[in-house]
Amino acid sequence: MWYTKSDNYHFDLDSVRVPQKYPGKRHYKGSRKGEFSGHPLGKNPSDVWIFPNVKHNHREKTIHPCQFPIELVDRMLLATTRAGDVVLDPFAGVSSALCAAILRGRRACGAEIVDEYVRVSEQRIQQAFAGTLPVRPSDMPVYTPKGEAVAVLPREFAEERNNAGNGRL
């Protein structure tokens, strides 16, 4: 969610554009024939953003059970804030949003009531200021298995599908 007090707000689409699949593609017919068909800075990131979960082997993983990656907040900060703006996270957890704000030159404030998360937050915020916070690079592709079956249809399911096709169910 993104809220503003007025119609006077900042939104910078260019800061969150993603690389195009075919960057040199041109229109092949019509009034724009020969012109580039895409934006030179990249394409609109669309409605669905893909990030890896922060789980056991993620470099940002802490003790928080449902931590989100810094990259998630980073895109929103780039698009909706300017350097020096204040970012508020009223339920800071282990301060992923606050760290993203610090790394992008924004001021940050947050609140958290769980003592263990506050201790982890203090360490992460210090690391963010020092430039030593472990962060997954945003240009690192999300891993997709190659040559492996991600899911295999059980033999029993295949038999049921075959029977359903034969009108037996």
N, C-alpha and C. Protein backbone atom coordinates (compact mmCIF):
# COMPACT_ATOMS: atom_id res chain seq x y z
N MET A 1 0.83 -1.17 0.00
CA MET A 1 0.00 0.00 0.00
C MET A 1 0.88 1.24 0.00
N TRP A 2 0.41 2.25 -0.66
CA TRP A 2 1.13 3.51 -0.74
C TRP A 2 0.13 4.62 -0.49
N TYR A 3 0.37 5.41 0.55
CA TYR A 3 -0.56 6.47 0.92
C TYR A 3 0.11 7.83 0.82
N THR A 4 -0.63 8.83 0.42
CA THR A 4 -0.14 10.20 0.41
C THR A 4 -1.18 11.10 1.07
N LYS A 5 -0.71 12.21 1.60
CA LYS A 5 -1.62 13.16 2.23
C LYS A 5 -2.33 14.02 1.20
N SER A 6 -1.73 14.18 0.04
CA SER A 6 -2.31 15.08 -0.97
C SER A 6 -1.97 14.55 -2.36
N ASP A 7 -2.38 15.31 -3.35
CA ASP A 7 -2.03 14.95 -4.73
C ASP A 7 -0.61 15.38 -5.08
N ASN A 8 0.06 16.02 -4.16
CA ASN A 8 1.43 16.46 -4.37
C ASN A 8 2.36 15.36 -3.84
N TYR A 9 2.74 14.45 -4.71
CA TYR A 9 3.59 13.33 -4.30
C TYR A 9 4.68 13.11 -5.35
N HIS A 10 5.63 12.25 -5.01
CA HIS A 10 6.75 11.92 -5.90
C HIS A 10 6.61 10.46 -6.34
N PHE A 11 6.72 10.23 -7.64
CA PHE A 11 6.78 8.85 -8.15
C PHE A 11 7.75 8.84 -9.32
N ASP A 12 8.81 8.04 -9.21
CA ASP A 12 9.86 7.98 -10.22
C ASP A 12 9.91 6.59 -10.83
N LEU A 13 9.17 6.38 -11.91
CA LEU A 13 9.15 5.09 -12.58
C LEU A 13 10.52 4.72 -13.14
N ASP A 14 11.26 5.71 -13.64
CA ASP A 14 12.56 5.41 -14.25
C ASP A 14 13.53 4.74 -13.30
N SER A 15 13.43 5.00 -12.00
CA SER A 15 14.36 4.42 -11.04
C SER A 15 14.11 2.93 -10.79
N VAL A 16 12.95 2.42 -11.19
CA VAL A 16 12.64 1.01 -10.94
C VAL A 16 12.39 0.21 -12.21
N ARG A 17 12.71 0.78 -13.34
CA ARG A 17 12.53 0.04 -14.60
C ARG A 17 13.42 -1.20 -14.60
N VAL A 18 12.99 -2.22 -15.31
CA VAL A 18 13.75 -3.47 -15.41
C VAL A 18 14.22 -3.64 -16.86
N PRO A 19 15.31 -4.39 -17.06
CA PRO A 19 15.82 -4.56 -18.42
C PRO A 19 14.78 -5.21 -19.33
N GLN A 20 14.78 -4.77 -20.58
CA GLN A 20 13.87 -5.34 -21.55
C GLN A 20 14.40 -6.67 -22.06
N LYS A 21 13.51 -7.53 -22.47
CA LYS A 21 13.91 -8.81 -23.02
C LYS A 21 14.60 -8.63 -24.37
N TYR A 22 14.10 -7.71 -25.19
CA TYR A 22 14.69 -7.39 -26.50
C TYR A 22 14.96 -5.90 -26.56
N PRO A 23 16.09 -5.42 -26.01
CA PRO A 23 16.30 -3.98 -25.89
C PRO A 23 16.43 -3.21 -27.20
N GLY A 24 16.85 -3.83 -28.28
CA GLY A 24 17.01 -3.10 -29.54
C GLY A 24 15.86 -3.27 -30.51
N LYS A 25 14.76 -3.85 -30.05
CA LYS A 25 13.62 -4.13 -30.93
C LYS A 25 13.02 -2.83 -31.47
N ARG A 26 12.64 -2.87 -32.76
CA ARG A 26 12.06 -1.70 -33.41
C ARG A 26 10.68 -2.04 -33.97
N HIS A 27 9.85 -1.01 -34.13
CA HIS A 27 8.56 -1.19 -34.79
C HIS A 27 8.82 -1.59 -36.23
N TYR A 28 8.07 -2.56 -36.75
CA TYR A 28 8.33 -3.02 -38.12
C TYR A 28 7.32 -2.53 -39.13
N LYS A 29 6.25 -1.87 -38.67
CA LYS A 29 5.30 -1.30 -39.62
C LYS A 29 4.54 -0.16 -38.95
N GLY A 30 3.76 0.55 -39.72
CA GLY A 30 2.96 1.64 -39.18
C GLY A 30 3.72 2.95 -39.15
N SER A 31 3.14 3.93 -38.51
CA SER A 31 3.71 5.28 -38.50
C SER A 31 5.01 5.36 -37.70
N ARG A 32 5.26 4.39 -36.82
CA ARG A 32 6.48 4.41 -36.01
C ARG A 32 7.52 3.41 -36.53
N LYS A 33 7.36 2.95 -37.76
CA LYS A 33 8.27 1.97 -38.36
C LYS A 33 9.72 2.45 -38.23
N GLY A 34 10.58 1.54 -37.76
CA GLY A 34 12.00 1.83 -37.60
C GLY A 34 12.37 2.43 -36.26
N GLU A 35 11.41 2.97 -35.51
CA GLU A 35 11.70 3.53 -34.19
C GLU A 35 11.80 2.41 -33.17
N PHE A 36 12.56 2.65 -32.09
CA PHE A 36 12.63 1.67 -31.01
C PHE A 36 11.25 1.47 -30.41
N SER A 37 10.91 0.24 -30.12
CA SER A 37 9.57 -0.04 -29.59
C SER A 37 9.53 0.02 -28.07
N GLY A 38 10.68 0.02 -27.41
CA GLY A 38 10.69 0.06 -25.95
C GLY A 38 11.35 1.32 -25.43
N HIS A 39 11.20 1.54 -24.16
CA HIS A 39 11.81 2.69 -23.50
C HIS A 39 13.31 2.43 -23.35
N PRO A 40 14.17 3.40 -23.62
CA PRO A 40 15.61 3.16 -23.54
C PRO A 40 16.13 2.81 -22.15
N LEU A 41 15.41 3.19 -21.11
CA LEU A 41 15.85 2.88 -19.74
C LEU A 41 15.32 1.53 -19.24
N GLY A 42 14.50 0.86 -20.01
CA GLY A 42 13.94 -0.42 -19.60
C GLY A 42 12.44 -0.37 -19.57
N LYS A 43 11.85 -1.49 -19.16
CA LYS A 43 10.39 -1.56 -19.17
C LYS A 43 9.81 -1.34 -17.78
N ASN A 44 8.54 -1.04 -17.73
CA ASN A 44 7.80 -0.91 -16.50
C ASN A 44 7.85 -2.25 -15.78
N PRO A 45 8.13 -2.28 -14.46
CA PRO A 45 8.27 -3.56 -13.77
C PRO A 45 6.98 -4.36 -13.64
N SER A 46 5.88 -3.87 -14.08
CA SER A 46 4.57 -4.53 -14.07
C SER A 46 4.01 -4.69 -12.66
N ASP A 47 2.92 -5.42 -12.56
CA ASP A 47 2.22 -5.57 -11.29
C ASP A 47 2.82 -6.65 -10.40
N VAL A 48 3.55 -7.57 -10.98
CA VAL A 48 4.10 -8.68 -10.19
C VAL A 48 5.61 -8.56 -10.14
N TRP A 49 6.14 -8.46 -8.93
CA TRP A 49 7.58 -8.40 -8.73
C TRP A 49 8.02 -9.74 -8.17
N ILE A 50 9.09 -10.27 -8.69
CA ILE A 50 9.55 -11.59 -8.25
C ILE A 50 10.82 -11.42 -7.43
N PHE A 51 10.77 -11.92 -6.20
CA PHE A 51 11.91 -11.90 -5.29
C PHE A 51 12.03 -13.28 -4.66
N PRO A 52 13.24 -13.71 -4.36
CA PRO A 52 13.36 -14.97 -3.64
C PRO A 52 12.96 -14.77 -2.18
N ASN A 53 12.38 -15.82 -1.59
CA ASN A 53 12.03 -15.77 -0.17
C ASN A 53 13.29 -15.67 0.66
N VAL A 54 13.19 -15.03 1.82
CA VAL A 54 14.30 -15.03 2.76
C VAL A 54 14.11 -16.26 3.63
N LYS A 55 14.85 -17.32 3.27
CA LYS A 55 14.75 -18.56 4.04
C LYS A 55 16.13 -19.01 4.45
N HIS A 56 16.29 -20.23 4.84
CA HIS A 56 17.48 -20.71 5.54
C HIS A 56 18.81 -20.35 4.88
N ASN A 57 18.92 -20.33 3.58
CA ASN A 57 20.22 -20.08 2.95
C ASN A 57 20.32 -18.69 2.31
N HIS A 58 19.39 -17.81 2.56
CA HIS A 58 19.41 -16.45 2.01
C HIS A 58 20.41 -15.63 2.82
N ARG A 59 21.21 -14.82 2.17
CA ARG A 59 22.26 -14.07 2.87
C ARG A 59 21.73 -13.03 3.84
N GLU A 60 20.48 -12.65 3.74
CA GLU A 60 19.90 -11.67 4.66
C GLU A 60 19.20 -12.32 5.85
N LYS A 61 19.11 -13.63 5.92
CA LYS A 61 18.31 -14.33 6.93
C LYS A 61 18.74 -14.00 8.35
N THR A 62 17.74 -13.72 9.18
CA THR A 62 17.94 -13.47 10.61
C THR A 62 17.01 -14.41 11.39
N ILE A 63 16.74 -14.05 12.64
CA ILE A 63 15.87 -14.90 13.48
C ILE A 63 14.39 -14.69 13.20
N HIS A 64 14.04 -13.70 12.42
CA HIS A 64 12.62 -13.40 12.17
C HIS A 64 12.00 -14.50 11.30
N PRO A 65 10.83 -15.02 11.69
CA PRO A 65 10.24 -16.15 10.94
C PRO A 65 9.63 -15.78 9.58
N CYS A 66 9.28 -14.52 9.37
CA CYS A 66 8.67 -14.14 8.08
C CYS A 66 9.31 -12.86 7.54
N GLN A 67 10.62 -12.87 7.51
CA GLN A 67 11.38 -11.72 7.05
C GLN A 67 11.23 -11.55 5.54
N PHE A 68 11.19 -10.30 5.07
CA PHE A 68 11.15 -10.05 3.63
C PHE A 68 12.48 -9.46 3.19
N PRO A 69 12.82 -9.61 1.91
CA PRO A 69 14.11 -9.13 1.44
C PRO A 69 14.17 -7.61 1.35
N ILE A 70 15.35 -7.07 1.57
CA ILE A 70 15.56 -5.62 1.47
C ILE A 70 15.19 -5.13 0.08
N GLU A 71 15.43 -5.94 -0.93
CA GLU A 71 15.13 -5.56 -2.31
C GLU A 71 13.65 -5.22 -2.52
N LEU A 72 12.77 -5.86 -1.79
CA LEU A 72 11.33 -5.59 -1.91
C LEU A 72 11.04 -4.13 -1.56
N VAL A 73 11.56 -3.68 -0.43
CA VAL A 73 11.33 -2.31 0.01
C VAL A 73 12.14 -1.33 -0.84
N ASP A 74 13.32 -1.75 -1.26
CA ASP A 74 14.20 -0.89 -2.03
C ASP A 74 13.51 -0.35 -3.27
N ARG A 75 12.80 -1.19 -3.99
CA ARG A 75 12.10 -0.72 -5.20
C ARG A 75 11.05 0.33 -4.86
N MET A 76 10.30 0.06 -3.80
CA MET A 76 9.27 1.03 -3.42
C MET A 76 9.89 2.35 -2.98
N LEU A 77 10.99 2.29 -2.25
CA LEU A 77 11.66 3.52 -1.81
C LEU A 77 12.19 4.31 -2.99
N LEU A 78 12.80 3.62 -3.95
CA LEU A 78 13.33 4.31 -5.11
C LEU A 78 12.23 5.03 -5.89
N ALA A 79 11.09 4.39 -6.00
CA ALA A 79 10.00 4.96 -6.79
C ALA A 79 9.25 6.08 -6.06
N THR A 80 9.15 6.01 -4.75
CA THR A 80 8.25 6.92 -4.04
C THR A 80 8.92 7.92 -3.11
N THR A 81 10.25 7.86 -2.97
CA THR A 81 10.93 8.80 -2.09
C THR A 81 12.14 9.40 -2.78
N ARG A 82 12.63 10.48 -2.19
CA ARG A 82 13.87 11.12 -2.65
C ARG A 82 14.90 11.01 -1.53
N ALA A 83 16.16 11.20 -1.85
CA ALA A 83 17.20 11.20 -0.83
C ALA A 83 16.84 12.22 0.25
N GLY A 84 16.99 11.82 1.51
CA GLY A 84 16.68 12.70 2.63
C GLY A 84 15.27 12.59 3.16
N ASP A 85 14.35 11.95 2.40
CA ASP A 85 12.98 11.77 2.88
C ASP A 85 12.96 10.83 4.09
N VAL A 86 11.87 10.88 4.86
CA VAL A 86 11.72 10.03 6.04
C VAL A 86 10.88 8.81 5.68
N VAL A 87 11.36 7.63 6.08
CA VAL A 87 10.65 6.37 5.89
C VAL A 87 10.25 5.85 7.26
N LEU A 88 8.96 5.58 7.45
CA LEU A 88 8.44 5.08 8.73
C LEU A 88 8.01 3.64 8.57
N ASP A 89 8.47 2.79 9.49
CA ASP A 89 8.00 1.41 9.56
C ASP A 89 7.50 1.16 10.98
N PRO A 90 6.18 1.23 11.21
CA PRO A 90 5.65 1.11 12.56
C PRO A 90 5.72 -0.32 13.13
N PHE A 91 5.97 -1.31 12.30
CA PHE A 91 6.12 -2.69 12.74
C PHE A 91 7.43 -3.20 12.14
N ALA A 92 8.55 -2.74 12.67
CA ALA A 92 9.85 -2.87 12.02
C ALA A 92 10.39 -4.29 11.94
N GLY A 93 9.99 -5.17 12.84
CA GLY A 93 10.57 -6.51 12.80
C GLY A 93 12.08 -6.43 12.95
N VAL A 94 12.83 -6.97 12.00
CA VAL A 94 14.29 -6.90 12.04
C VAL A 94 14.81 -5.78 11.14
N SER A 95 13.96 -4.82 10.83
CA SER A 95 14.31 -3.55 10.18
C SER A 95 14.79 -3.65 8.74
N SER A 96 14.21 -4.53 7.96
CA SER A 96 14.57 -4.59 6.54
C SER A 96 14.24 -3.27 5.84
N ALA A 97 13.08 -2.69 6.16
CA ALA A 97 12.68 -1.43 5.53
C ALA A 97 13.61 -0.29 5.96
N LEU A 98 13.97 -0.27 7.23
CA LEU A 98 14.84 0.79 7.72
C LEU A 98 16.23 0.68 7.10
N CYS A 99 16.72 -0.54 6.96
CA CYS A 99 18.03 -0.75 6.33
C CYS A 99 18.01 -0.32 4.87
N ALA A 100 16.93 -0.65 4.16
CA ALA A 100 16.80 -0.22 2.77
C ALA A 100 16.82 1.30 2.69
N ALA A 101 16.14 1.97 3.60
CA ALA A 101 16.11 3.43 3.61
C ALA A 101 17.51 3.99 3.85
N ILE A 102 18.22 3.45 4.79
CA ILE A 102 19.57 3.92 5.10
C ILE A 102 20.49 3.72 3.90
N LEU A 103 20.40 2.56 3.28
CA LEU A 103 21.26 2.26 2.13
C LEU A 103 21.00 3.19 0.95
N ARG A 104 19.79 3.74 0.86
CA ARG A 104 19.42 4.65 -0.23
C ARG A 104 19.46 6.12 0.18
N GLY A 105 20.04 6.42 1.34
CA GLY A 105 20.20 7.82 1.74
C GLY A 105 18.94 8.46 2.24
N ARG A 106 18.02 7.67 2.75
CA ARG A 106 16.79 8.21 3.35
C ARG A 106 16.94 8.17 4.87
N ARG A 107 16.17 8.99 5.55
CA ARG A 107 16.12 8.92 7.01
C ARG A 107 15.09 7.87 7.38
N ALA A 108 15.30 7.17 8.49
CA ALA A 108 14.42 6.05 8.83
C ALA A 108 14.05 6.09 10.30
N CYS A 109 12.80 5.73 10.58
CA CYS A 109 12.37 5.55 11.96
C CYS A 109 11.39 4.39 12.00
N GLY A 110 11.44 3.64 13.09
CA GLY A 110 10.58 2.47 13.20
C GLY A 110 10.29 2.13 14.64
N ALA A 111 9.37 1.20 14.83
CA ALA A 111 8.99 0.75 16.17
C ALA A 111 8.87 -0.77 16.16
N GLU A 112 9.29 -1.38 17.25
CA GLU A 112 9.18 -2.83 17.40
C GLU A 112 9.12 -3.15 18.88
N ILE A 113 8.27 -4.11 19.28
CA ILE A 113 8.11 -4.45 20.70
C ILE A 113 8.79 -5.75 21.09
N VAL A 114 9.26 -6.54 20.14
CA VAL A 114 9.92 -7.82 20.45
C VAL A 114 11.41 -7.55 20.67
N ASP A 115 11.88 -7.82 21.90
CA ASP A 115 13.25 -7.48 22.28
C ASP A 115 14.31 -8.13 21.37
N GLU A 116 14.10 -9.39 21.00
CA GLU A 116 15.09 -10.08 20.15
C GLU A 116 15.20 -9.39 18.79
N TYR A 117 14.07 -8.95 18.25
CA TYR A 117 14.08 -8.27 16.94
C TYR A 117 14.76 -6.91 17.05
N VAL A 118 14.57 -6.24 18.19
CA VAL A 118 15.21 -4.93 18.40
C VAL A 118 16.72 -5.10 18.42
N ARG A 119 17.21 -6.14 19.10
CA ARG A 119 18.66 -6.38 19.14
C ARG A 119 19.21 -6.66 17.74
N VAL A 120 18.51 -7.49 16.98
CA VAL A 120 18.95 -7.79 15.60
C VAL A 120 18.89 -6.52 14.76
N SER A 121 17.84 -5.73 14.95
CA SER A 121 17.69 -4.47 14.20
C SER A 121 18.85 -3.53 14.45
N GLU A 122 19.24 -3.40 15.70
CA GLU A 122 20.36 -2.51 16.03
C GLU A 122 21.62 -2.94 15.28
N GLN A 123 21.89 -4.23 15.25
CA GLN A 123 23.08 -4.74 14.53
C GLN A 123 22.96 -4.46 13.03
N ARG A 124 21.78 -4.75 12.46
CA ARG A 124 21.61 -4.55 11.02
C ARG A 124 21.69 -3.08 10.63
N ILE A 125 21.15 -2.20 11.45
CA ILE A 125 21.21 -0.77 11.16
C ILE A 125 22.66 -0.28 11.23
N GLN A 126 23.41 -0.74 12.22
CA GLN A 126 24.83 -0.38 12.29
C GLN A 126 25.58 -0.88 11.05
N GLN A 127 25.27 -2.10 10.62
CA GLN A 127 25.91 -2.64 9.42
C GLN A 127 25.51 -1.84 8.18
N ALA A 128 24.26 -1.41 8.11
CA ALA A 128 23.81 -0.61 6.97
C ALA A 128 24.58 0.71 6.90
N PHE A 129 24.76 1.37 8.04
CA PHE A 129 25.53 2.61 8.06
C PHE A 129 26.99 2.37 7.70
N ALA A 130 27.53 1.22 8.12
CA ALA A 130 28.93 0.90 7.84
C ALA A 130 29.15 0.36 6.43
N GLY A 131 28.06 -0.01 5.75
CA GLY A 131 28.18 -0.58 4.42
C GLY A 131 28.56 -2.05 4.41
N THR A 132 28.34 -2.73 5.53
CA THR A 132 28.70 -4.16 5.64
C THR A 132 27.49 -5.07 5.77
N LEU A 133 26.30 -4.54 5.60
CA LEU A 133 25.08 -5.34 5.72
C LEU A 133 24.99 -6.35 4.58
N PRO A 134 24.81 -7.65 4.88
CA PRO A 134 24.66 -8.62 3.79
C PRO A 134 23.33 -8.40 3.05
N VAL A 135 23.43 -8.08 1.77
CA VAL A 135 22.25 -7.82 0.95
C VAL A 135 22.39 -8.59 -0.35
N ARG A 136 21.31 -9.20 -0.78
CA ARG A 136 21.30 -9.90 -2.06
C ARG A 136 21.24 -8.87 -3.18
N PRO A 137 22.16 -8.93 -4.15
CA PRO A 137 22.13 -7.94 -5.25
C PRO A 137 20.83 -8.02 -6.04
N SER A 138 20.27 -6.88 -6.38
CA SER A 138 18.98 -6.86 -7.07
C SER A 138 19.08 -7.39 -8.49
N ASP A 139 20.27 -7.38 -9.08
CA ASP A 139 20.40 -7.88 -10.44
C ASP A 139 20.71 -9.38 -10.51
N MET A 140 20.76 -10.04 -9.35
CA MET A 140 21.00 -11.48 -9.33
C MET A 140 19.70 -12.19 -9.73
N PRO A 141 19.74 -13.03 -10.76
CA PRO A 141 18.50 -13.69 -11.18
C PRO A 141 17.96 -14.66 -10.12
N VAL A 142 16.66 -14.81 -10.10
CA VAL A 142 16.03 -15.76 -9.20
C VAL A 142 16.30 -17.15 -9.76
N TYR A 143 16.73 -18.06 -8.90
CA TYR A 143 17.11 -19.41 -9.34
C TYR A 143 15.90 -20.19 -9.84
N THR A 144 16.05 -20.74 -11.00
CA THR A 144 15.05 -21.67 -11.52
C THR A 144 15.77 -22.96 -11.87
N PRO A 145 15.32 -24.08 -11.35
CA PRO A 145 16.00 -25.34 -11.61
C PRO A 145 15.98 -25.68 -13.10
N LYS A 146 17.08 -26.22 -13.57
CA LYS A 146 17.17 -26.63 -14.97
C LYS A 146 17.39 -28.14 -15.03
N GLY A 147 16.60 -28.78 -15.87
CA GLY A 147 16.76 -30.22 -16.04
C GLY A 147 16.26 -31.06 -14.89
N GLU A 148 15.66 -30.43 -13.89
CA GLU A 148 15.13 -31.18 -12.76
C GLU A 148 13.60 -31.08 -12.80
N ALA A 149 12.97 -32.13 -12.34
CA ALA A 149 11.52 -32.08 -12.21
C ALA A 149 11.20 -31.37 -10.90
N VAL A 150 10.57 -30.22 -10.98
CA VAL A 150 10.22 -29.49 -9.77
C VAL A 150 9.11 -30.24 -9.03
N ALA A 151 8.17 -30.77 -9.77
CA ALA A 151 7.11 -31.58 -9.18
C ALA A 151 6.79 -32.71 -10.15
N VAL A 152 6.57 -33.87 -9.59
CA VAL A 152 6.26 -35.03 -10.41
C VAL A 152 4.85 -35.50 -10.07
N LEU A 153 4.05 -35.72 -11.09
CA LEU A 153 2.68 -36.19 -10.88
C LEU A 153 2.74 -37.63 -10.37
N PRO A 154 2.18 -37.90 -9.18
CA PRO A 154 2.18 -39.28 -8.67
C PRO A 154 1.44 -40.22 -9.63
N ARG A 155 1.91 -41.45 -9.71
CA ARG A 155 1.33 -42.46 -10.61
C ARG A 155 -0.18 -42.61 -10.35
N GLU A 156 -0.58 -42.57 -9.06
CA GLU A 156 -1.99 -42.72 -8.72
C GLU A 156 -2.83 -41.58 -9.31
N PHE A 157 -2.28 -40.36 -9.30
CA PHE A 157 -3.01 -39.22 -9.86
C PHE A 157 -3.17 -39.40 -11.36
N ALA A 158 -2.12 -39.87 -12.01
CA ALA A 158 -2.17 -40.08 -13.46
C ALA A 158 -3.24 -41.12 -13.79
N GLU A 159 -3.32 -42.18 -13.00
CA GLU A 159 -4.34 -43.21 -13.22
C GLU A 159 -5.74 -42.62 -13.06
N GLU A 160 -5.94 -41.78 -12.02
CA GLU A 160 -7.25 -41.16 -11.79
C GLU A 160 -7.63 -40.25 -12.97
N ARG A 161 -6.65 -39.52 -13.48
CA ARG A 161 -6.93 -38.65 -14.63
C ARG A 161 -7.31 -39.47 -15.86
N ASN A 162 -6.62 -40.57 -16.05
CA ASN A 162 -6.95 -41.44 -17.19
C ASN A 162 -8.35 -42.02 -17.04
N ASN A 163 -8.69 -42.42 -15.83
CA ASN A 163 -10.03 -42.98 -15.58
C ASN A 163 -11.10 -41.91 -15.79
N ALA A 164 -10.81 -40.66 -15.37
CA ALA A 164 -11.77 -39.57 -15.55
C ALA A 164 -11.98 -39.30 -17.04
N GLY A 165 -10.93 -39.44 -17.82
CA GLY A 165 -11.05 -39.24 -19.27
C GLY A 165 -11.88 -40.32 -19.94
N ASN A 166 -11.93 -41.49 -19.31
CA ASN A 166 -12.69 -42.60 -19.87
C ASN A 166 -14.12 -42.64 -19.33
N GLY A 167 -14.51 -41.63 -18.57
CA GLY A 167 -15.87 -41.58 -18.03
C GLY A 167 -16.10 -42.50 -16.85
N ARG A 168 -15.06 -42.95 -16.17
CA ARG A 168 -15.22 -43.90 -15.07
C ARG A 168 -15.48 -43.22 -13.73
N LEU A 169 -15.28 -41.93 -13.59
CA LEU A 169 -15.49 -41.29 -12.27
C LEU A 169 -16.92 -40.87 -12.10
